């Protein structure tokens, strides 16, 4: 996708928000506060992903994280959101009839033009895995899984 870069202002806003949750002023916040920090930054994130990310940055299971670790998660979240925006835009362009779906034939053409030396069999497998309901069309969720999975 695009060259993604978090701006200095975004990092400053995130750092200031992080500091608001650092109630003791000791440079770290409870991993239980992750949801509230993201919410304060107007970023939505699922509970499952929050738990996964908290476990990832709190390897010793101490129950807290420092700014540097939060900064990594913040940047990852912004990048994911940007990638999803770009994917939604691409889907809208491909959904020529505004039905919320892309015909499998169009998807086949796109995949063929993107992939170097992709065989018909590989295309058939990708299409079969993507069009899970066999409708002959791909909705956004199926498209997302194909492109991000």
Protein backbone atom coordinates (compact mmCIF):
# COMPACT_ATOMS: atom_id res chain seq x y z
CA UNK A 1 0.00 0.00 0.00
CA UNK A 2 1.12 3.63 0.30
CA UNK A 3 4.18 4.95 2.07
CA UNK A 4 2.71 5.50 5.50
CA UNK A 5 4.20 7.95 7.97
CA UNK A 6 2.88 9.08 11.34
CA UNK A 7 3.20 12.84 11.70
CA UNK A 8 5.00 14.53 14.56
CA UNK A 9 1.68 16.05 15.65
CA UNK A 10 0.05 12.60 15.78
CA UNK A 11 2.93 11.28 17.91
CA UNK A 12 2.77 14.36 20.17
CA UNK A 13 -0.99 13.95 20.63
CA UNK A 14 -0.53 10.26 21.41
CA UNK A 15 2.31 10.99 23.84
CA UNK A 16 0.27 13.65 25.63
CA UNK A 17 -2.66 11.26 25.89
CA UNK A 18 -0.37 8.49 27.12
CA UNK A 19 0.95 10.86 29.80
CA UNK A 20 -2.61 11.63 30.94
CA UNK A 21 -3.04 7.92 31.72
CA UNK A 22 0.37 7.76 33.44
CA UNK A 23 -1.22 8.82 36.71
CA UNK A 24 1.87 8.15 38.85
CA UNK A 25 4.17 9.90 36.39
CA UNK A 26 6.51 6.92 36.30
CA UNK A 27 6.64 6.56 32.51
CA UNK A 28 4.26 3.67 32.08
CA UNK A 29 0.55 2.88 32.03
CA UNK A 30 -1.45 -0.20 32.85
CA UNK A 31 -2.15 -2.45 29.87
CA UNK A 32 -5.77 -2.36 31.11
CA UNK A 33 -5.84 1.31 30.07
CA UNK A 34 -5.01 0.53 26.42
CA UNK A 35 -8.64 0.62 25.31
CA UNK A 36 -9.19 3.98 27.01
CA UNK A 37 -6.04 5.48 25.53
CA UNK A 38 -7.00 4.42 22.01
CA UNK A 39 -10.55 5.65 22.61
CA UNK A 40 -9.20 9.03 23.78
CA UNK A 41 -7.28 9.22 20.51
CA UNK A 42 -10.54 8.48 18.60
CA UNK A 43 -9.24 5.09 17.45
CA UNK A 44 -11.43 2.02 17.59
CA UNK A 45 -9.84 -1.35 18.20
CA UNK A 46 -11.39 -4.71 19.04
CA UNK A 47 -11.02 -6.21 22.49
CA UNK A 48 -9.35 -9.30 21.02
CA UNK A 49 -6.76 -7.25 19.18
CA UNK A 50 -6.15 -5.12 22.28
CA UNK A 51 -5.47 -8.23 24.34
CA UNK A 52 -3.19 -9.64 21.65
CA UNK A 53 -1.24 -6.38 21.41
CA UNK A 54 -1.02 -5.93 25.19
CA UNK A 55 0.36 -9.46 25.53
CA UNK A 56 2.83 -8.73 22.75
CA UNK A 57 4.31 -5.60 24.35
CA UNK A 58 4.03 -6.83 27.94
CA UNK A 59 6.12 -9.97 27.44
CA UNK A 60 6.89 -10.35 31.15
CA UNK A 61 3.19 -9.96 32.03
CA UNK A 62 3.92 -7.06 34.37
CA UNK A 63 0.59 -5.41 33.54
CA UNK A 64 2.01 -2.17 32.17
CA UNK A 65 3.80 -0.69 29.19
CA UNK A 66 6.10 2.20 28.53
CA UNK A 67 5.64 4.96 25.94
CA UNK A 68 8.03 3.33 23.44
CA UNK A 69 5.88 0.20 23.37
CA UNK A 70 2.65 2.15 23.11
CA UNK A 71 4.18 4.23 20.32
CA UNK A 72 4.70 1.02 18.28
CA UNK A 73 1.07 -0.01 18.78
CA UNK A 74 -0.18 3.49 17.96
CA UNK A 75 1.77 3.55 14.70
CA UNK A 76 0.57 0.04 13.82
CA UNK A 77 -3.05 1.04 14.45
CA UNK A 78 -2.79 4.17 12.29
CA UNK A 79 -1.18 2.13 9.49
CA UNK A 80 -3.89 -0.53 9.70
CA UNK A 81 -6.57 2.16 9.52
CA UNK A 82 -4.88 3.77 6.50
CA UNK A 83 -4.51 0.39 4.75
CA UNK A 84 -8.18 -0.32 5.36
CA UNK A 85 -9.18 3.10 3.98
CA UNK A 86 -7.14 2.41 0.84
CA UNK A 87 -8.65 -1.06 0.53
CA UNK A 88 -12.19 0.33 0.88
CA UNK A 89 -11.41 2.93 -1.80
CA UNK A 90 -10.08 0.22 -4.11
CA UNK A 91 -13.16 -1.90 -3.47
CA UNK A 92 -15.44 1.07 -4.30
CA UNK A 93 -13.63 1.56 -7.60
CA UNK A 94 -13.99 -2.13 -8.46
CA UNK A 95 -17.65 -2.21 -7.39
CA UNK A 96 -18.72 -0.53 -10.64
CA UNK A 97 -22.42 -1.22 -10.13
CA UNK A 98 -22.49 -0.02 -6.51
CA UNK A 99 -23.94 -3.33 -5.33
CA UNK A 100 -21.39 -3.90 -2.58
CA UNK A 101 -19.84 -6.75 -4.52
CA UNK A 102 -17.23 -7.37 -7.20
CA UNK A 103 -17.92 -9.99 -9.88
CA UNK A 104 -15.51 -12.93 -9.62
CA UNK A 105 -14.49 -12.40 -13.27
CA UNK A 106 -13.34 -8.85 -12.44
CA UNK A 107 -11.46 -10.14 -9.40
CA UNK A 108 -9.82 -12.83 -11.54
CA UNK A 109 -8.65 -10.16 -14.00
CA UNK A 110 -7.30 -7.97 -11.16
CA UNK A 111 -5.45 -10.83 -9.49
CA UNK A 112 -3.98 -11.90 -12.82
CA UNK A 113 -2.75 -8.36 -13.54
CA UNK A 114 -1.25 -8.04 -10.04
CA UNK A 115 0.44 -11.42 -9.84
CA UNK A 116 3.56 -12.35 -11.71
CA UNK A 117 3.33 -15.78 -13.30
CA UNK A 118 0.16 -16.79 -11.47
CA UNK A 119 -1.35 -19.97 -12.91
CA UNK A 120 -5.02 -20.50 -13.72
CA UNK A 121 -5.11 -23.20 -11.03
CA UNK A 122 -3.73 -20.78 -8.43
CA UNK A 123 -6.30 -18.20 -9.53
CA UNK A 124 -9.09 -20.78 -9.23
CA UNK A 125 -7.91 -21.66 -5.71
CA UNK A 126 -7.73 -17.98 -4.69
CA UNK A 127 -11.20 -17.32 -6.08
CA UNK A 128 -12.65 -20.42 -4.39
CA UNK A 129 -11.11 -19.38 -1.05
CA UNK A 130 -12.36 -15.82 -1.47
CA UNK A 131 -15.88 -16.42 -2.79
CA UNK A 132 -16.68 -18.61 0.19
CA UNK A 133 -20.43 -18.60 -0.42
CA UNK A 134 -20.08 -19.47 -4.12
CA UNK A 135 -22.18 -16.48 -5.17
CA UNK A 136 -19.98 -15.55 -8.14
CA UNK A 137 -19.29 -12.23 -6.45
CA UNK A 138 -17.01 -11.05 -3.68
CA UNK A 139 -18.22 -8.71 -0.95
CA UNK A 140 -15.99 -6.37 1.02
CA UNK A 141 -15.31 -8.83 3.84
CA UNK A 142 -14.21 -11.50 1.36
CA UNK A 143 -12.11 -8.94 -0.52
CA UNK A 144 -10.53 -7.76 2.74
CA UNK A 145 -9.62 -11.32 3.71
CA UNK A 146 -8.05 -11.93 0.32
CA UNK A 147 -6.02 -8.72 0.25
CA UNK A 148 -4.99 -8.59 3.93
CA UNK A 149 -4.86 -12.31 4.68
